[in-house]
PDB file of N, CA and C in Angstrom:
ATOM      1  N   MET A   1      14.279   3.697  16.195  1.00  0.00           N
ATOM      2  CA  MET A   1      12.879   3.326  16.031  1.00  0.00           C
ATOM      3  C   MET A   1      12.363   3.712  14.649  1.00  0.00           C
ATOM      4  N   ARG A   2      12.873   4.814  14.122  1.00  0.00           N
ATOM      5  CA  ARG A   2      12.431   5.236  12.799  1.00  0.00           C
ATOM      6  C   ARG A   2      12.825   4.225  11.731  1.00  0.00           C
ATOM      7  N   TYR A   3      13.950   3.498  11.960  1.00  0.00           N
ATOM      8  CA  TYR A   3      14.360   2.500  10.975  1.00  0.00           C
ATOM      9  C   TYR A   3      13.376   1.339  10.921  1.00  0.00           C
ATOM     10  N   VAL A   4      12.827   0.976  12.069  1.00  0.00           N
ATOM     11  CA  VAL A   4      11.829  -0.094  12.118  1.00  0.00           C
ATOM     12  C   VAL A   4      10.568   0.359  11.398  1.00  0.00           C
ATOM     13  N   GLU A   5      10.167   1.606  11.640  1.00  0.00           N
ATOM     14  CA  GLU A   5       8.982   2.149  10.970  1.00  0.00           C
ATOM     15  C   GLU A   5       9.209   2.237   9.459  1.00  0.00           C
ATOM     16  N   LEU A   6      10.392   2.674   9.061  1.00  0.00           N
ATOM     17  CA  LEU A   6      10.732   2.749   7.639  1.00  0.00           C
ATOM     18  C   LEU A   6      10.707   1.360   7.001  1.00  0.00           C
ATOM     19  N   ALA A   7      11.243   0.375   7.697  1.00  0.00           N
ATOM     20  CA  ALA A   7      11.232  -0.993   7.175  1.00  0.00           C
ATOM     21  C   ALA A   7       9.797  -1.504   7.048  1.00  0.00           C
ATOM     22  N   GLY A   8       8.959  -1.195   8.026  1.00  0.00           N
ATOM     23  CA  GLY A   8       7.555  -1.611   7.976  1.00  0.00           C
ATOM     24  C   GLY A   8       6.825  -1.012   6.795  1.00  0.00           C
ATOM     25  N   TRP A   9       7.000   0.275   6.580  1.00  0.00           N
ATOM     26  CA  TRP A   9       6.340   0.928   5.447  1.00  0.00           C
ATOM     27  C   TRP A   9       6.886   0.416   4.117  1.00  0.00           C
ATOM     28  N   THR A  10       8.166   0.098   4.084  1.00  0.00           N
ATOM     29  CA  THR A  10       8.754  -0.465   2.859  1.00  0.00           C
ATOM     30  C   THR A  10       8.136  -1.827   2.549  1.00  0.00           C
ATOM     31  N   ILE A  11       7.963  -2.653   3.562  1.00  0.00           N
ATOM     32  CA  ILE A  11       7.341  -3.962   3.364  1.00  0.00           C
ATOM     33  C   ILE A  11       5.903  -3.802   2.882  1.00  0.00           C
ATOM     34  N   VAL A  12       5.167  -2.864   3.475  1.00  0.00           N
ATOM     35  CA  VAL A  12       3.779  -2.601   3.047  1.00  0.00           C
ATOM     36  C   VAL A  12       3.756  -2.183   1.576  1.00  0.00           C
ATOM     37  N   ALA A  13       4.679  -1.309   1.178  1.00  0.00           N
ATOM     38  CA  ALA A  13       4.728  -0.847  -0.212  1.00  0.00           C
ATOM     39  C   ALA A  13       5.034  -1.996  -1.169  1.00  0.00           C
ATOM     40  N   VAL A  14       5.958  -2.858  -0.795  1.00  0.00           N
ATOM     41  CA  VAL A  14       6.318  -3.995  -1.657  1.00  0.00           C
ATOM     42  C   VAL A  14       5.136  -4.957  -1.795  1.00  0.00           C
ATOM     43  N   VAL A  15       4.437  -5.210  -0.694  1.00  0.00           N
ATOM     44  CA  VAL A  15       3.270  -6.104  -0.742  1.00  0.00           C
ATOM     45  C   VAL A  15       2.176  -5.505  -1.618  1.00  0.00           C
ATOM     46  N   LEU A  16       1.906  -4.212  -1.461  1.00  0.00           N
ATOM     47  CA  LEU A  16       0.882  -3.572  -2.297  1.00  0.00           C
ATOM     48  C   LEU A  16       1.261  -3.614  -3.777  1.00  0.00           C
ATOM     49  N   CYS A  17       2.530  -3.391  -4.075  1.00  0.00           N
ATOM     50  CA  CYS A  17       2.969  -3.459  -5.472  1.00  0.00           C
ATOM     51  C   CYS A  17       2.856  -4.881  -6.017  1.00  0.00           C
ATOM     52  N   THR A  18       3.157  -5.860  -5.191  1.00  0.00           N
ATOM     53  CA  THR A  18       3.062  -7.252  -5.610  1.00  0.00           C
ATOM     54  C   THR A  18       1.612  -7.640  -5.898  1.00  0.00           C
ATOM     55  N   LEU A  19       0.695  -7.143  -5.086  1.00  0.00           N
ATOM     56  CA  LEU A  19      -0.719  -7.484  -5.256  1.00  0.00           C
ATOM     57  C   LEU A  19      -1.416  -6.654  -6.334  1.00  0.00           C
ATOM     58  N   ALA A  20      -0.724  -5.721  -6.939  1.00  0.00           N
ATOM     59  CA  ALA A  20      -1.340  -4.866  -7.959  1.00  0.00           C
ATOM     60  C   ALA A  20      -1.800  -5.659  -9.172  1.00  0.00           C
ATOM     61  N   ILE A  21      -1.064  -6.698  -9.511  1.00  0.00           N
ATOM     62  CA  ILE A  21      -1.427  -7.539 -10.657  1.00  0.00           C
ATOM     63  C   ILE A  21      -1.866  -8.893 -10.116  1.00  0.00           C
ATOM     64  N   PRO A  22      -3.128  -9.253 -10.300  1.00  0.00           N
ATOM     65  CA  PRO A  22      -3.614 -10.528  -9.763  1.00  0.00           C
ATOM     66  C   PRO A  22      -3.219 -11.707 -10.651  1.00  0.00           C
ATOM     67  N   TRP A  23      -1.974 -12.136 -10.521  1.00  0.00           N
ATOM     68  CA  TRP A  23      -1.466 -13.226 -11.340  1.00  0.00           C
ATOM     69  C   TRP A  23      -2.329 -14.472 -11.222  1.00  0.00           C
ATOM     70  N   PHE A  24      -2.833 -14.720 -10.024  1.00  0.00           N
ATOM     71  CA  PHE A  24      -3.607 -15.930  -9.762  1.00  0.00           C
ATOM     72  C   PHE A  24      -4.990 -15.902 -10.411  1.00  0.00           C
ATOM     73  N   LEU A  25      -5.424 -14.749 -10.930  1.00  0.00           N
ATOM     74  CA  LEU A  25      -6.721 -14.661 -11.596  1.00  0.00           C
ATOM     75  C   LEU A  25      -6.610 -14.711 -13.119  1.00  0.00           C
ATOM     76  N   TRP A  26      -5.392 -14.847 -13.648  1.00  0.00           N
ATOM     77  CA  TRP A  26      -5.235 -14.919 -15.092  1.00  0.00           C
ATOM     78  C   TRP A  26      -5.923 -16.168 -15.608  1.00  0.00           C
ATOM     79  N   GLY A  27      -6.707 -15.998 -16.620  1.00  0.00           N
ATOM     80  CA  GLY A  27      -7.411 -17.120 -17.226  1.00  0.00           C
ATOM     81  C   GLY A  27      -8.700 -17.486 -16.515  1.00  0.00           C
ATOM     82  N   ASP A  28      -9.025 -16.798 -15.435  1.00  0.00           N
ATOM     83  CA  ASP A  28     -10.258 -17.068 -14.693  1.00  0.00           C
ATOM     84  C   ASP A  28     -11.384 -16.254 -15.320  1.00  0.00           C
ATOM     85  N   ALA A  29     -12.440 -16.922 -15.746  1.00  0.00           N
ATOM     86  CA  ALA A  29     -13.549 -16.238 -16.425  1.00  0.00           C
ATOM     87  C   ALA A  29     -14.731 -15.978 -15.495  1.00  0.00           C
ATOM     88  N   THR A  30     -14.500 -15.998 -14.198  1.00  0.00           N
ATOM     89  CA  THR A  30     -15.575 -15.774 -13.235  1.00  0.00           C
ATOM     90  C   THR A  30     -16.112 -14.348 -13.360  1.00  0.00           C
ATOM     91  N   VAL A  31     -17.451 -14.249 -13.378  1.00  0.00           N
ATOM     92  CA  VAL A  31     -18.105 -12.941 -13.480  1.00  0.00           C
ATOM     93  C   VAL A  31     -18.939 -12.731 -12.217  1.00  0.00           C
ATOM     94  N   VAL A  32     -18.791 -11.556 -11.605  1.00  0.00           N
ATOM     95  CA  VAL A  32     -19.550 -11.200 -10.405  1.00  0.00           C
ATOM     96  C   VAL A  32     -20.297  -9.904 -10.686  1.00  0.00           C
ATOM     97  N   THR A  33     -21.610  -9.938 -10.584  1.00  0.00           N
ATOM     98  CA  THR A  33     -22.509  -8.806 -10.877  1.00  0.00           C
ATOM     99  C   THR A  33     -22.179  -8.117 -12.196  1.00  0.00           C
ATOM    100  N   GLY A  34     -21.861  -8.905 -13.182  1.00  0.00           N
ATOM    101  CA  GLY A  34     -21.665  -8.386 -14.531  1.00  0.00           C
ATOM    102  C   GLY A  34     -20.248  -7.970 -14.870  1.00  0.00           C
ATOM    103  N   PHE A  35     -19.337  -8.046 -13.925  1.00  0.00           N
ATOM    104  CA  PHE A  35     -17.947  -7.666 -14.183  1.00  0.00           C
ATOM    105  C   PHE A  35     -17.020  -8.828 -13.849  1.00  0.00           C
ATOM    106  N   PRO A  36     -15.922  -8.939 -14.583  1.00  0.00           N
ATOM    107  CA  PRO A  36     -14.981 -10.027 -14.292  1.00  0.00           C
ATOM    108  C   PRO A  36     -14.380  -9.881 -12.890  1.00  0.00           C
ATOM    109  N   LEU A  37     -14.041 -11.005 -12.302  1.00  0.00           N
ATOM    110  CA  LEU A  37     -13.497 -11.011 -10.948  1.00  0.00           C
ATOM    111  C   LEU A  37     -12.213 -10.197 -10.851  1.00  0.00           C
ATOM    112  N   TRP A  38     -11.368 -10.213 -11.875  1.00  0.00           N
ATOM    113  CA  TRP A  38     -10.120  -9.461 -11.831  1.00  0.00           C
ATOM    114  C   TRP A  38     -10.375  -7.958 -11.735  1.00  0.00           C
ATOM    115  N   LEU A  39     -11.493  -7.495 -12.303  1.00  0.00           N
ATOM    116  CA  LEU A  39     -11.824  -6.076 -12.201  1.00  0.00           C
ATOM    117  C   LEU A  39     -12.205  -5.714 -10.765  1.00  0.00           C
ATOM    118  N   TRP A  40     -12.963  -6.601 -10.113  1.00  0.00           N
ATOM    119  CA  TRP A  40     -13.299  -6.385  -8.698  1.00  0.00           C
ATOM    120  C   TRP A  40     -12.046  -6.403  -7.837  1.00  0.00           C
ATOM    121  N   TRP A  41     -11.079  -7.257  -8.198  1.00  0.00           N
ATOM    122  CA  TRP A  41      -9.807  -7.288  -7.474  1.00  0.00           C
ATOM    123  C   TRP A  41      -9.151  -5.909  -7.533  1.00  0.00           C
ATOM    124  N   HIS A  42      -9.139  -5.304  -8.715  1.00  0.00           N
ATOM    125  CA  HIS A  42      -8.501  -4.001  -8.857  1.00  0.00           C
ATOM    126  C   HIS A  42      -9.253  -2.912  -8.090  1.00  0.00           C
ATOM    127  N   VAL A  43     -10.557  -2.979  -8.078  1.00  0.00           N
ATOM    128  CA  VAL A  43     -11.343  -2.003  -7.306  1.00  0.00           C
ATOM    129  C   VAL A  43     -10.985  -2.121  -5.823  1.00  0.00           C
ATOM    130  N   GLY A  44     -10.976  -3.344  -5.313  1.00  0.00           N
ATOM    131  CA  GLY A  44     -10.607  -3.561  -3.916  1.00  0.00           C
ATOM    132  C   GLY A  44      -9.181  -3.143  -3.623  1.00  0.00           C
ATOM    133  N   TRP A  45      -8.277  -3.437  -4.559  1.00  0.00           N
ATOM    134  CA  TRP A  45      -6.874  -3.057  -4.382  1.00  0.00           C
ATOM    135  C   TRP A  45      -6.720  -1.539  -4.343  1.00  0.00           C
ATOM    136  N   MET A  46      -7.453  -0.847  -5.193  1.00  0.00           N
ATOM    137  CA  MET A  46      -7.366   0.623  -5.195  1.00  0.00           C
ATOM    138  C   MET A  46      -7.902   1.216  -3.901  1.00  0.00           C
ATOM    139  N   VAL A  47      -8.987   0.650  -3.368  1.00  0.00           N
ATOM    140  CA  VAL A  47      -9.523   1.124  -2.083  1.00  0.00           C
ATOM    141  C   VAL A  47      -8.500   0.882  -0.973  1.00  0.00           C
ATOM    142  N   LEU A  48      -7.932  -0.323  -0.931  1.00  0.00           N
ATOM    143  CA  LEU A  48      -6.925  -0.643   0.070  1.00  0.00           C
ATOM    144  C   LEU A  48      -5.711   0.278  -0.050  1.00  0.00           C
ATOM    145  N   THR A  49      -5.243   0.496  -1.262  1.00  0.00           N
ATOM    146  CA  THR A  49      -4.093   1.354  -1.491  1.00  0.00           C
ATOM    147  C   THR A  49      -4.383   2.796  -1.066  1.00  0.00           C
ATOM    148  N   ALA A  50      -5.584   3.286  -1.351  1.00  0.00           N
ATOM    149  CA  ALA A  50      -5.951   4.643  -0.929  1.00  0.00           C
ATOM    150  C   ALA A  50      -5.953   4.760   0.591  1.00  0.00           C
ATOM    151  N   LEU A  51      -6.475   3.754   1.279  1.00  0.00           N
ATOM    152  CA  LEU A  51      -6.490   3.780   2.740  1.00  0.00           C
ATOM    153  C   LEU A  51      -5.085   3.726   3.321  1.00  0.00           C
ATOM    154  N   VAL A  52      -4.232   2.884   2.747  1.00  0.00           N
ATOM    155  CA  VAL A  52      -2.850   2.783   3.219  1.00  0.00           C
ATOM    156  C   VAL A  52      -2.116   4.100   2.964  1.00  0.00           C
ATOM    157  N   PHE A  53      -2.330   4.714   1.817  1.00  0.00           N
ATOM    158  CA  PHE A  53      -1.657   5.979   1.531  1.00  0.00           C
ATOM    159  C   PHE A  53      -2.147   7.079   2.467  1.00  0.00           C
ATOM    160  N   TRP A  54      -3.436   7.088   2.775  1.00  0.00           N
ATOM    161  CA  TRP A  54      -3.971   8.072   3.723  1.00  0.00           C
ATOM    162  C   TRP A  54      -3.310   7.891   5.087  1.00  0.00           C
ATOM    163  N   LEU A  55      -3.201   6.640   5.526  1.00  0.00           N
ATOM    164  CA  LEU A  55      -2.557   6.353   6.802  1.00  0.00           C
ATOM    165  C   LEU A  55      -1.089   6.768   6.775  1.00  0.00           C
ATOM    166  N   PHE A  56      -0.402   6.450   5.699  1.00  0.00           N
ATOM    167  CA  PHE A  56       1.005   6.829   5.555  1.00  0.00           C
ATOM    168  C   PHE A  56       1.177   8.346   5.573  1.00  0.00           C
ATOM    169  N   ALA A  57       0.317   9.052   4.850  1.00  0.00           N
ATOM    170  CA  ALA A  57       0.429  10.513   4.779  1.00  0.00           C
ATOM    171  C   ALA A  57       0.184  11.168   6.131  1.00  0.00           C
ATOM    172  N   ASN A  58      -0.673  10.575   6.939  1.00  0.00           N
ATOM    173  CA  ASN A  58      -0.967  11.142   8.251  1.00  0.00           C
ATOM    174  C   ASN A  58       0.047  10.756   9.327  1.00  0.00           C
ATOM    175  N   ARG A  59       0.694   9.619   9.190  1.00  0.00           N
ATOM    176  CA  ARG A  59       1.571   9.134  10.260  1.00  0.00           C
ATOM    177  C   ARG A  59       3.056   9.200   9.931  1.00  0.00           C
ATOM    178  N   ALA A  60       3.431   9.007   8.684  1.00  0.00           N
ATOM    179  CA  ALA A  60       4.851   8.813   8.395  1.00  0.00           C
ATOM    180  C   ALA A  60       5.355   9.602   7.191  1.00  0.00           C
ATOM    181  N   TRP A  61       4.679  10.652   6.824  1.00  0.00           N
ATOM    182  CA  TRP A  61       5.117  11.414   5.656  1.00  0.00           C
ATOM    183  C   TRP A  61       6.514  11.975   5.894  1.00  0.00           C
ATOM    184  N   GLY A  62       7.412  11.742   4.972  1.00  0.00           N
ATOM    185  CA  GLY A  62       8.783  12.240   5.063  1.00  0.00           C
ATOM    186  C   GLY A  62       9.744  11.261   5.706  1.00  0.00           C
ATOM    187  N   ILE A  63       9.260  10.111   6.162  1.00  0.00           N
ATOM    188  CA  ILE A  63      10.147   9.140   6.799  1.00  0.00           C
ATOM    189  C   ILE A  63      11.191   8.668   5.793  1.00  0.00           C
ATOM    190  N   GLY A  64      12.429   8.645   6.232  1.00  0.00           N
ATOM    191  CA  GLY A  64      13.524   8.234   5.356  1.00  0.00           C
ATOM    192  C   GLY A  64      14.037   9.356   4.472  1.00  0.00           C
ATOM    193  N   ILE A  65      13.367  10.495   4.497  1.00  0.00           N
ATOM    194  CA  ILE A  65      13.786  11.630   3.675  1.00  0.00           C
ATOM    195  C   ILE A  65      14.183  12.810   4.560  1.00  0.00           C
ATOM    196  N   GLU A  66      13.281  13.170   5.456  1.00  0.00           N
ATOM    197  CA  GLU A  66      13.539  14.285   6.360  1.00  0.00           C
ATOM    198  C   GLU A  66      14.364  13.811   7.540  1.00  0.00           C
ATOM    199  N   PRO A  67      15.269  14.669   8.016  1.00  0.00           N
ATOM    200  CA  PRO A  67      16.060  14.260   9.185  1.00  0.00           C
ATOM    201  C   PRO A  67      15.173  14.127  10.413  1.00  0.00           C
ATOM    202  N   GLU A  68      15.549  13.221  11.303  1.00  0.00           N
ATOM    203  CA  GLU A  68      14.777  13.001  12.519  1.00  0.00           C
ATOM    204  C   GLU A  68      14.930  14.203  13.454  1.00  0.00           C
ATOM    205  N   VAL A  69      13.823  14.706  13.941  1.00  0.00           N
ATOM    206  CA  VAL A  69      13.832  15.865  14.835  1.00  0.00           C
ATOM    207  C   VAL A  69      13.801  15.357  16.265  1.00  0.00           C
ATOM    208  N   THR A  70      14.768  15.807  17.042  1.00  0.00           N
ATOM    209  CA  THR A  70      14.808  15.456  18.468  1.00  0.00           C
ATOM    210  C   THR A  70      14.551  16.718  19.279  1.00  0.00           C
ATOM    211  N   GLU A  71      14.310  16.556  20.554  1.00  0.00           N
ATOM    212  CA  GLU A  71      13.986  17.685  21.414  1.00  0.00           C
ATOM    213  C   GLU A  71      15.118  18.700  21.457  1.00  0.00           C
ATOM    214  N   GLY A  72      16.353  18.271  21.485  1.00  0.00           N
ATOM    215  CA  GLY A  72      17.495  19.184  21.596  1.00  0.00           C
ATOM    216  C   GLY A  72      17.878  19.859  20.298  1.00  0.00           C
ATOM    217  N   SER A  73      17.360  19.412  19.162  1.00  0.00           N
ATOM    218  CA  SER A  73      17.797  19.953  17.861  1.00  0.00           C
ATOM    219  C   SER A  73      16.866  20.996  17.296  1.00  0.00           C
ATOM    220  N   ARG A  74      15.895  21.443  18.076  1.00  0.00           N
ATOM    221  CA  ARG A  74      14.950  22.444  17.559  1.00  0.00           C
ATOM    222  C   ARG A  74      15.489  23.830  17.664  1.00  0.00           C
TER     223      ARG A  74
END
């Protein structure tokens, strides 16, 4: 089961890294409340990334690094 969780977190990390650079906003001059749209994208991305990291730190810290602890191995 830990392998499925590790694969899930790996996919989340790859998606977040892919979305870090808004390729689709290059050359777009749209301005929202005085700031370019790409800047708002980064603000939203940073908030999302912070929330995902908080969730990861609380639920899966050490996955793939620390050995799996079972009831009999304590």
